[in-house]
Amino acid sequence: MNPFQIIGHQQVMHTLRTQSAHAFLLLGPQRVGRKALAHFIAALANCAHGTACGSCPSCLAIARDTHTDVMFVAPKSETSTGKQARRKIIPVKVITERRDEGHDYDQHVVEWLQIAPHTRRKVVIFDGAEHLNAEAANALLKTLEEPPHRAMFVFIAEDQQLVLPTIMSRCARIFVPPVPEAEMHQALLHLENQIDPDLLAFAAGRPGVLFERETVREALVQARELVQGLESSMLDALSAAEKLEKSFNPEWHPEALLFAFRHHPLSVRARADQALSEALERLEQYANPALVFQVLALKLREALGRV
């Protein structure tokens, strides 16, 4: 496996090798491999051999996230007080130092790009282009149109409809599709020399899941335990909900819970999805977690017809 941890996507890599652009928009589902391909683009721009060889010092530094000419920008997931942010946003103050009155960021895109690269080209990767607000996009616009020192930009997004037109119109758009099952199967065999049908089904062609497989497996087990508790008694349901609340991971548990309901009728899954969405919204509003999970358990039991 290459150091950029790219599984599949041979056609996408071929397109990237032959496409001449200074800004790319990589579109596709979470964990499908967009971030790995963004690193591949940065490697193509700076590789000593011009091929993203994966073995030269520049490529290895990019794979380790230590390259001095690659800047990674993502929305903050926590507030200044350490709580989970209610709404993800890439603010204008990370784009330009002039707008960062509180000095919240050590690096700012516009000013960082004014400095000449150490290798060939500077590359800025925006993970979550849909979270760039209009103010941030406008501050970036001139630099995006006339990049200093031939700088490159890579924007990552799930839905192009959520990306501001001022950004999207200036990018070469590349769709990153799910990886075929046979390639996922081979990748998992390479990683741990065994096949896990549930893990592959949950991954649904998203290679990123395979690199966090132990965390995913734990989430899947806990989701199954909750569903078993829901189908048992009210006491078991509340006990399972309390256990889940103590280990809840918003990155994985919501999807794992919906996966645990996959064999139930569509009407049940729809109600479960609605109950989970309401619970996540309350958690984002800093509601009492124990109470949120108790209500979730009650609503999920109701969806299952257990009153």
Protein backbone atom coordinates (compact mmCIF):
# COMPACT_ATOMS: atom_id res chain seq x y z
CA MET A 1 0.00 0.00 0.00
CA ASN A 2 1.33 3.47 -0.91
CA PRO A 3 2.35 5.86 1.90
CA PHE A 4 -0.65 8.11 1.14
CA GLN A 5 -2.96 5.22 2.17
CA ILE A 6 -4.92 5.32 -1.07
CA ILE A 7 -7.05 2.25 -1.64
CA GLY A 8 -8.42 1.95 -5.18
CA HIS A 9 -9.13 5.17 -7.11
CA GLN A 10 -6.73 4.36 -9.94
CA GLN A 11 -8.91 6.26 -12.42
CA VAL A 12 -9.06 9.30 -10.15
CA MET A 13 -5.27 9.30 -9.76
CA HIS A 14 -4.88 9.04 -13.53
CA THR A 15 -7.16 12.07 -13.94
CA LEU A 16 -5.19 14.04 -11.36
CA ARG A 17 -1.91 13.21 -13.09
CA THR A 18 -3.20 14.50 -16.42
CA GLN A 19 -5.29 17.46 -15.25
CA SER A 20 -3.66 20.87 -15.32
CA ALA A 21 -5.20 23.11 -12.66
CA HIS A 22 -4.12 25.16 -9.69
CA ALA A 23 -7.34 24.46 -7.73
CA PHE A 24 -9.22 21.19 -7.29
CA LEU A 25 -12.53 20.37 -5.65
CA LEU A 26 -12.67 16.73 -4.50
CA LEU A 27 -16.28 15.62 -4.04
CA GLY A 28 -17.51 12.43 -2.41
CA PRO A 29 -18.75 10.81 0.81
CA GLN A 30 -16.85 11.02 4.08
CA ARG A 31 -13.94 8.57 4.44
CA VAL A 32 -14.05 7.60 0.77
CA GLY A 33 -10.42 8.69 0.36
CA ARG A 34 -10.66 12.40 -0.55
CA LYS A 35 -8.09 13.47 2.05
CA ALA A 36 -5.62 10.83 0.89
CA LEU A 37 -6.07 12.03 -2.69
CA ALA A 38 -5.52 15.63 -1.55
CA HIS A 39 -2.16 14.51 -0.17
CA PHE A 40 -1.52 12.79 -3.51
CA ILE A 41 -2.12 16.11 -5.32
CA ALA A 42 0.33 17.84 -2.97
CA ALA A 43 2.84 15.07 -3.65
CA LEU A 44 2.44 15.44 -7.42
CA ALA A 45 3.22 19.15 -7.04
CA ASN A 46 6.35 18.62 -4.95
CA CYS A 47 7.72 15.15 -5.69
CA ALA A 48 11.42 15.09 -6.59
CA HIS A 49 10.50 12.97 -9.63
CA GLY A 50 7.21 14.70 -10.45
CA THR A 51 5.25 11.46 -10.11
CA ALA A 52 4.15 11.30 -6.45
CA CYS A 53 6.61 8.43 -6.14
CA GLY A 54 5.90 7.94 -2.44
CA SER A 55 9.55 7.39 -1.55
CA CYS A 56 11.38 10.71 -2.01
CA PRO A 57 11.82 12.98 1.05
CA SER A 58 9.06 15.33 -0.15
CA CYS A 59 6.50 12.55 -0.64
CA LEU A 60 7.33 10.96 2.71
CA ALA A 61 6.97 14.31 4.49
CA ILE A 62 3.57 14.84 2.87
CA ALA A 63 2.46 11.35 3.91
CA ARG A 64 3.52 12.14 7.51
CA ASP A 65 1.81 15.58 7.48
CA THR A 66 5.13 17.30 8.16
CA HIS A 67 5.80 18.96 4.80
CA THR A 68 6.66 22.65 5.20
CA ASP A 69 4.87 23.59 1.96
CA VAL A 70 1.53 21.94 2.73
CA MET A 71 -1.05 23.72 4.89
CA PHE A 72 -4.13 21.90 6.17
CA VAL A 73 -7.25 23.92 7.05
CA ALA A 74 -10.33 22.39 8.69
CA PRO A 75 -13.31 23.77 10.62
CA LYS A 76 -12.92 23.94 14.36
CA SER A 77 -14.80 21.15 16.10
CA GLU A 78 -14.57 22.75 19.55
CA THR A 79 -15.27 26.16 20.97
CA SER A 80 -12.72 28.19 22.92
CA THR A 81 -14.17 26.70 26.12
CA GLY A 82 -13.55 23.12 24.94
CA LYS A 83 -17.17 22.28 24.14
CA GLN A 84 -18.22 20.77 20.83
CA ALA A 85 -18.98 23.51 18.32
CA ARG A 86 -22.66 23.88 17.46
CA ARG A 87 -21.89 24.71 13.84
CA LYS A 88 -18.74 23.89 11.92
CA ILE A 89 -17.15 26.86 10.19
CA ILE A 90 -13.88 27.85 8.56
CA PRO A 91 -13.71 31.50 9.61
CA VAL A 92 -12.19 34.48 7.87
CA LYS A 93 -9.56 34.82 10.62
CA VAL A 94 -7.74 31.69 9.43
CA ILE A 95 -7.65 33.12 5.90
CA THR A 96 -5.96 36.42 6.71
CA GLU A 97 -4.04 37.67 9.70
CA ARG A 98 -5.69 41.08 9.36
CA ARG A 99 -8.97 39.60 10.54
CA ASP A 100 -7.55 37.51 13.38
CA GLU A 101 -7.79 40.12 16.12
CA GLY A 102 -7.62 37.50 18.87
CA HIS A 103 -4.55 35.75 17.38
CA ASP A 104 -6.39 32.42 17.40
CA TYR A 105 -4.31 30.96 14.55
CA ASP A 106 -0.55 30.57 14.21
CA GLN A 107 -0.76 30.48 10.40
CA HIS A 108 -3.00 32.38 7.99
CA VAL A 109 -3.52 31.26 4.41
CA VAL A 110 -3.01 34.57 2.58
CA GLU A 111 0.15 35.57 4.46
CA TRP A 112 1.57 32.01 4.45
CA LEU A 113 1.29 31.87 0.66
CA GLN A 114 3.26 35.08 0.24
CA ILE A 115 6.39 33.27 1.42
CA ALA A 116 8.18 31.37 -1.34
CA PRO A 117 8.02 27.56 -1.10
CA HIS A 118 10.96 25.50 0.16
CA THR A 119 10.43 22.87 -2.52
CA ARG A 120 8.34 23.48 -5.64
CA ARG A 121 4.80 24.65 -4.83
CA LYS A 122 2.82 25.47 -1.74
CA VAL A 123 -0.47 23.60 -1.37
CA VAL A 124 -3.40 24.55 0.87
CA ILE A 125 -5.89 21.76 1.62
CA PHE A 126 -9.33 22.81 2.86
CA ASP A 127 -11.03 19.81 4.48
CA GLY A 128 -14.67 20.88 4.49
CA ALA A 129 -15.04 23.47 1.74
CA GLU A 130 -18.76 23.67 2.50
CA HIS A 131 -17.84 25.23 5.86
CA LEU A 132 -16.11 28.24 4.31
CA ASN A 133 -18.48 31.12 4.96
CA ALA A 134 -18.96 33.96 2.48
CA GLU A 135 -16.65 36.28 4.42
CA ALA A 136 -13.81 33.74 4.40
CA ALA A 137 -14.35 32.89 0.72
CA ASN A 138 -14.29 36.57 -0.26
CA ALA A 139 -11.05 37.11 1.68
CA LEU A 140 -9.52 34.15 -0.18
CA LEU A 141 -10.83 35.06 -3.63
CA LYS A 142 -8.01 37.27 -4.95
CA THR A 143 -5.35 34.82 -3.74
CA LEU A 144 -7.28 31.96 -5.35
CA GLU A 145 -7.50 33.82 -8.66
CA GLU A 146 -3.86 34.95 -8.65
CA PRO A 147 -1.97 32.45 -6.46
CA PRO A 148 1.50 33.70 -5.45
CA HIS A 149 4.46 31.46 -6.30
CA ARG A 150 2.17 29.16 -8.36
CA ALA A 151 0.45 27.94 -5.19
CA MET A 152 -2.18 25.21 -5.39
CA PHE A 153 -5.49 24.72 -3.60
CA VAL A 154 -7.39 21.53 -2.83
CA PHE A 155 -10.95 21.81 -1.53
CA ILE A 156 -12.67 18.75 -0.06
CA ALA A 157 -16.46 18.56 0.19
CA GLU A 158 -19.33 16.07 0.36
CA ASP A 159 -21.94 18.06 -1.54
CA GLN A 160 -21.07 20.59 -4.21
CA GLN A 161 -24.41 22.32 -3.65
CA LEU A 162 -23.09 23.48 -0.27
CA VAL A 163 -19.87 24.93 -1.69
CA LEU A 164 -20.01 28.65 -2.43
CA PRO A 165 -20.15 29.36 -6.20
CA THR A 166 -17.17 31.73 -5.93
CA ILE A 167 -15.04 28.75 -4.85
CA MET A 168 -16.59 26.04 -7.01
CA SER A 169 -16.36 28.02 -10.27
CA ARG A 170 -12.60 28.35 -9.91
CA CYS A 171 -11.88 24.66 -9.33
CA ALA A 172 -11.48 21.54 -11.42
CA ARG A 173 -14.15 19.26 -9.96
CA ILE A 174 -13.25 15.62 -9.34
CA PHE A 175 -15.80 13.11 -8.01
CA VAL A 176 -14.32 10.45 -5.73
CA PRO A 177 -16.62 7.39 -5.83
CA PRO A 178 -16.85 4.49 -3.38
CA VAL A 179 -14.24 1.80 -3.97
CA PRO A 180 -15.47 -1.50 -5.48
CA GLU A 181 -16.06 -4.31 -2.97
CA ALA A 182 -13.35 -6.55 -4.43
CA GLU A 183 -10.70 -3.86 -3.86
CA MET A 184 -11.94 -3.22 -0.32
CA HIS A 185 -11.79 -6.98 0.31
CA GLN A 186 -8.18 -7.16 -0.86
CA ALA A 187 -7.21 -4.09 1.15
CA LEU A 188 -8.61 -5.57 4.36
CA LEU A 189 -6.76 -8.82 3.72
CA HIS A 190 -3.57 -6.80 3.29
CA LEU A 191 -4.18 -4.87 6.51
CA GLU A 192 -4.99 -7.76 8.83
CA ASN A 193 -5.04 -11.00 6.84
CA GLN A 194 -8.70 -11.75 7.58
CA ILE A 195 -12.12 -10.77 6.29
CA ASP A 196 -14.80 -9.11 8.41
CA PRO A 197 -18.09 -9.06 6.43
CA ASP A 198 -19.80 -6.67 8.87
CA LEU A 199 -16.92 -4.19 8.70
CA LEU A 200 -16.90 -4.29 4.89
CA ALA A 201 -20.67 -3.86 4.76
CA PHE A 202 -20.45 -0.89 7.12
CA ALA A 203 -17.56 0.62 5.13
CA ALA A 204 -19.63 0.51 1.91
CA GLY A 205 -16.65 1.31 -0.29
CA ARG A 206 -15.08 3.90 2.04
CA PRO A 207 -11.40 3.05 2.64
CA GLY A 208 -11.11 5.44 5.58
CA VAL A 209 -13.20 3.06 7.66
CA LEU A 210 -10.57 0.34 7.30
CA PHE A 211 -7.89 2.54 8.85
CA GLU A 212 -10.01 3.03 11.98
CA ARG A 213 -11.41 -0.48 12.08
CA GLU A 214 -10.93 -1.16 15.80
CA THR A 215 -12.80 2.01 16.76
CA VAL A 216 -15.49 1.11 14.24
CA ARG A 217 -15.82 -2.43 15.53
CA GLU A 218 -16.26 -1.14 19.08
CA ALA A 219 -18.97 1.26 17.92
CA LEU A 220 -20.75 -1.54 16.03
CA VAL A 221 -20.70 -3.81 19.10
CA GLN A 222 -22.11 -1.06 21.32
CA ALA A 223 -24.79 -0.24 18.76
CA ARG A 224 -25.86 -3.89 18.64
CA GLU A 225 -25.96 -4.00 22.44
CA LEU A 226 -28.27 -0.98 22.48
CA VAL A 227 -30.64 -2.53 19.94
CA GLN A 228 -30.69 -5.78 21.93
CA GLY A 229 -31.52 -3.81 25.07
CA LEU A 230 -34.27 -1.94 23.22
CA GLU A 231 -35.82 -5.22 22.09
CA SER A 232 -35.67 -6.64 25.62
CA SER A 233 -37.13 -4.64 28.50
CA MET A 234 -37.41 -0.99 29.43
CA LEU A 235 -34.79 -1.49 32.14
CA ASP A 236 -32.37 -3.11 29.69
CA ALA A 237 -32.99 -0.33 27.18
CA LEU A 238 -32.23 2.43 29.69
CA SER A 239 -29.18 0.55 30.96
CA ALA A 240 -27.82 0.13 27.43
CA ALA A 241 -28.49 3.82 26.69
CA GLU A 242 -26.58 4.84 29.83
CA LYS A 243 -23.64 2.67 28.79
CA LEU A 244 -23.62 4.15 25.29
CA GLU A 245 -23.78 7.70 26.65
CA LYS A 246 -20.54 7.18 28.58
CA SER A 247 -18.61 6.07 25.48
CA PHE A 248 -20.48 7.98 22.76
CA ASN A 249 -18.33 8.96 19.78
CA PRO A 250 -20.18 11.37 17.44
CA GLU A 251 -17.86 10.38 14.60
CA TRP A 252 -18.96 6.74 14.60
CA HIS A 253 -21.85 5.86 16.89
CA PRO A 254 -24.65 7.61 14.95
CA GLU A 255 -23.80 5.71 11.77
CA ALA A 256 -23.22 2.48 13.71
CA LEU A 257 -26.69 2.79 15.27
CA LEU A 258 -28.36 3.23 11.89
CA PHE A 259 -26.35 0.28 10.58
CA ALA A 260 -27.66 -1.83 13.48
CA PHE A 261 -31.19 -1.08 12.28
CA ARG A 262 -30.47 -2.02 8.66
CA HIS A 263 -32.51 -5.27 8.71
CA HIS A 264 -35.62 -3.61 10.15
CA PRO A 265 -38.47 -2.32 7.97
CA LEU A 266 -38.04 1.04 6.28
CA SER A 267 -40.62 2.68 8.51
CA VAL A 268 -38.68 1.61 11.62
CA ARG A 269 -35.40 2.85 10.17
CA ALA A 270 -36.94 6.20 9.27
CA ARG A 271 -38.23 6.72 12.81
CA ALA A 272 -34.90 5.63 14.27
CA ASP A 273 -33.10 8.09 12.01
CA GLN A 274 -35.41 10.90 13.13
CA ALA A 275 -34.94 10.04 16.82
CA LEU A 276 -31.16 9.98 16.41
CA SER A 277 -31.13 13.30 14.54
CA GLU A 278 -33.11 14.92 17.34
CA ALA A 279 -30.74 13.50 19.95
CA LEU A 280 -27.67 14.80 18.11
CA GLU A 281 -29.26 18.24 17.79
CA ARG A 282 -29.91 18.35 21.54
CA LEU A 283 -26.33 17.30 22.28
CA GLU A 284 -25.09 20.13 20.04
CA GLN A 285 -27.23 22.47 22.15
CA TYR A 286 -25.46 21.19 25.29
CA ALA A 287 -28.53 19.46 26.72
CA ASN A 288 -28.03 17.02 29.59
CA PRO A 289 -26.44 13.95 27.90
CA ALA A 290 -27.96 11.40 30.30
CA LEU A 291 -31.44 12.77 29.66
CA VAL A 292 -30.84 12.91 25.89
CA PHE A 293 -29.91 9.22 25.77
CA GLN A 294 -32.85 8.21 27.97
CA VAL A 295 -35.24 9.99 25.60
CA LEU A 296 -33.44 8.43 22.63
CA ALA A 297 -33.92 4.94 24.11
CA LEU A 298 -37.64 5.59 24.65
CA LYS A 299 -38.13 6.84 21.10
CA LEU A 300 -36.17 3.96 19.60
CA ARG A 301 -38.26 1.46 21.59
CA GLU A 302 -41.36 3.20 20.26
CA ALA A 303 -40.00 2.91 16.70
CA LEU A 304 -39.57 -0.82 17.29
CA GLY A 305 -43.13 -1.10 18.57
CA ARG A 306 -41.97 -1.78 22.15
CA VAL A 307 -44.13 0.38 24.41
